[in-house]
Protein backbone atom coordinates (compact mmCIF):
# COMPACT_ATOMS: atom_id res chain seq x y z
CA MET A 1 -14.04 -37.31 -5.69
CA LYS A 2 -12.94 -36.50 -2.37
CA LYS A 3 -9.14 -36.48 -3.44
CA LEU A 4 -9.90 -34.43 -6.28
CA LEU A 5 -11.69 -31.83 -3.97
CA ILE A 6 -8.56 -31.84 -1.68
CA ALA A 7 -6.19 -31.49 -4.54
CA SER A 8 -7.90 -28.59 -6.09
CA SER A 9 -8.10 -26.92 -2.54
CA LEU A 10 -4.29 -27.28 -1.99
CA VAL A 11 -3.59 -25.94 -5.55
CA MET A 12 -6.04 -23.15 -5.07
CA ALA A 13 -4.51 -22.33 -1.60
CA GLY A 14 -1.14 -22.33 -3.23
CA ALA A 15 -2.10 -20.04 -5.87
CA LEU A 16 -3.47 -17.49 -3.35
CA THR A 17 -0.26 -17.40 -1.17
CA GLY A 18 2.59 -15.15 -2.03
CA CYS A 19 5.20 -12.67 -0.99
CA SER A 20 5.80 -9.20 -0.84
CA SER A 21 8.61 -6.65 -0.27
CA LEU A 22 9.04 -2.85 0.17
CA ASN A 23 12.20 -0.93 -0.54
CA THR A 24 12.63 2.62 0.00
CA SER A 25 15.98 4.15 -1.41
CA ALA A 26 17.90 7.34 -1.65
CA PRO A 27 21.00 8.04 -3.45
CA SER A 28 24.14 8.16 -1.52
CA LEU A 29 27.32 9.86 -2.35
CA PRO A 30 29.95 7.83 -4.17
CA LEU A 31 32.92 6.33 -1.84
CA ALA A 32 35.74 7.15 -4.32
CA GLY A 33 36.24 8.92 -7.53
CA GLY A 34 35.00 12.41 -8.76
CA VAL A 35 34.40 14.46 -11.87
CA THR A 36 35.14 17.99 -12.11
CA THR A 37 34.01 20.55 -14.84
CA ASP A 38 34.03 24.15 -15.31
CA ILE A 39 30.26 23.92 -16.33
CA LYS A 40 27.91 25.44 -13.64
CA ALA A 41 24.02 25.07 -13.93
CA ASP A 42 21.72 27.48 -12.18
CA ILE A 43 18.76 25.53 -11.09
CA GLU A 44 15.72 26.81 -9.50
CA VAL A 45 14.29 24.34 -6.82
CA GLY A 46 10.39 24.43 -7.01
CA GLU A 47 7.42 22.48 -5.18
CA LYS A 48 7.55 18.79 -4.58
CA ILE A 49 6.65 16.52 -7.35
CA THR A 50 5.56 12.87 -7.78
CA GLY A 51 5.45 10.16 -10.32
CA LYS A 52 4.12 6.51 -10.40
CA SER A 53 4.50 3.70 -12.75
CA SER A 54 3.77 -0.23 -12.00
CA VAL A 55 4.05 -3.34 -14.04
CA THR A 56 2.87 -7.03 -13.83
CA GLN A 57 4.99 -9.83 -14.95
CA LEU A 58 3.63 -13.32 -15.79
CA PHE A 59 5.74 -16.52 -15.59
CA GLY A 60 9.08 -14.40 -15.26
CA LEU A 61 8.83 -13.40 -18.85
CA LEU A 62 5.71 -11.71 -20.08
CA THR A 63 5.27 -8.12 -18.80
CA LEU A 64 1.89 -6.32 -18.73
CA GLY A 65 1.27 -2.70 -18.49
CA ALA A 66 4.84 -1.70 -19.15
CA GLU A 67 5.12 1.98 -20.08
CA THR A 68 6.85 2.78 -23.13
CA GLU A 69 8.61 6.22 -22.29
CA TYR A 70 11.40 6.36 -19.81
CA ALA A 71 13.84 8.80 -18.17
CA ASP A 72 17.55 8.30 -18.44
CA GLY A 73 20.28 8.23 -15.60
CA VAL A 74 17.72 7.04 -13.03
CA ALA A 75 20.06 4.00 -11.70
CA TYR A 76 21.88 4.52 -8.55
CA GLY A 77 24.59 1.72 -7.76
CA ALA A 78 24.84 -1.75 -9.31
CA ASN A 79 20.97 -2.63 -8.75
CA GLY A 80 19.44 0.65 -8.26
CA GLY A 81 18.85 0.04 -4.59
CA GLY A 82 15.91 -2.48 -5.19
CA GLY A 83 15.35 -6.13 -5.91
CA SER A 84 14.45 -7.02 -9.57
CA PHE A 85 12.96 -9.58 -11.75
CA LEU A 86 14.92 -11.00 -14.81
CA PRO A 87 17.20 -8.59 -16.35
CA ILE A 88 15.94 -7.96 -20.16
CA GLY A 89 18.60 -6.37 -22.27
CA GLY A 90 21.00 -5.58 -19.70
CA VAL A 91 18.60 -3.60 -17.44
CA SER A 92 16.36 -4.93 -14.81
CA LEU A 93 12.38 -4.70 -14.97
CA THR A 94 12.75 -2.56 -11.53
CA GLU A 95 15.01 -0.19 -13.17
CA LYS A 96 12.73 0.35 -16.18
CA VAL A 97 9.77 0.94 -13.87
CA LYS A 98 11.84 3.29 -12.01
CA ALA A 99 12.76 5.19 -15.19
CA ALA A 100 9.20 5.30 -16.25
CA ALA A 101 7.99 6.87 -12.94
CA ALA A 102 10.57 9.60 -13.11
CA TYR A 103 9.35 10.23 -16.82
CA ASN A 104 5.92 10.75 -15.56
CA ALA A 105 6.91 12.85 -12.71
CA ILE A 106 9.15 15.09 -15.06
CA THR A 107 6.58 15.39 -17.73
CA GLU A 108 3.52 15.98 -15.46
CA SER A 109 5.32 18.65 -13.55
CA GLY A 110 7.17 20.23 -16.45
CA ALA A 111 10.54 19.92 -14.60
CA ASP A 112 13.76 19.61 -16.31
CA VAL A 113 15.34 17.47 -13.49
CA ILE A 114 14.09 16.01 -10.00
CA VAL A 115 16.04 17.33 -7.20
CA ALA A 116 16.73 14.99 -4.37
CA PRO A 117 14.59 12.05 -5.81
CA ARG A 118 13.54 9.28 -3.38
CA TYR A 119 12.15 6.06 -5.04
CA THR A 120 9.79 3.60 -3.07
CA ILE A 121 9.71 0.18 -4.64
CA LYS A 122 6.81 -2.20 -3.70
CA GLN A 123 7.28 -5.73 -5.19
CA GLU A 124 4.82 -8.51 -4.65
CA GLY A 125 4.99 -12.07 -5.91
CA TYR A 126 2.55 -14.63 -6.24
CA GLY A 127 4.21 -17.80 -7.77
CA PHE A 128 3.49 -17.39 -11.41
CA PHE A 129 3.21 -13.74 -11.51
CA GLY A 130 4.29 -10.76 -9.76
CA THR A 131 4.02 -6.92 -9.59
CA ILE A 132 6.47 -4.03 -9.12
CA ASP A 133 5.02 -0.56 -8.15
CA VAL A 134 7.31 2.32 -8.11
CA THR A 135 6.72 6.04 -6.89
CA VAL A 136 9.39 8.78 -6.98
CA GLU A 137 9.14 11.76 -4.95
CA GLY A 138 11.38 14.92 -5.23
CA TYR A 139 11.37 18.58 -5.84
CA LYS A 140 10.83 20.19 -9.42
CA GLY A 141 14.23 21.35 -10.64
CA THR A 142 13.99 23.87 -13.53
CA ILE A 143 17.43 24.85 -15.18
CA ARG A 144 17.70 28.60 -15.50
CA SER A 145 21.11 28.91 -17.28
CA VAL A 146 24.06 26.63 -18.00
CA LYS A 147 27.59 28.46 -17.80
């Protein structure tokens, strides 16, 4: 009985311990290459906007609380400036949560684009499950005209 109590205490202590990480990123300019165009957009910059999204992953495969609507073009660089869980369909779970947070910020504010977005990614892992929480902050951009 005593051995069972010790073993169950060790298992419980292992399940309650975990790790976490926090990453705040901002996009930077590319080192090489460039694209030129004659198209010019008139964008009115408004007030500060925020969007949030989170997901829980069990056993590295099953996701809970994942959003179903995402904004395109959210990734900056190879891994988007943050760590990630397993890639699913070529896109990491972190990138999907970032895209959902951007979508939430745009739809809640009525913006066309997020000007100067800054993503804060908080990941916590507890052995068999982990969470990713993403907050995006930036400014409301409204496209007035495209020439």
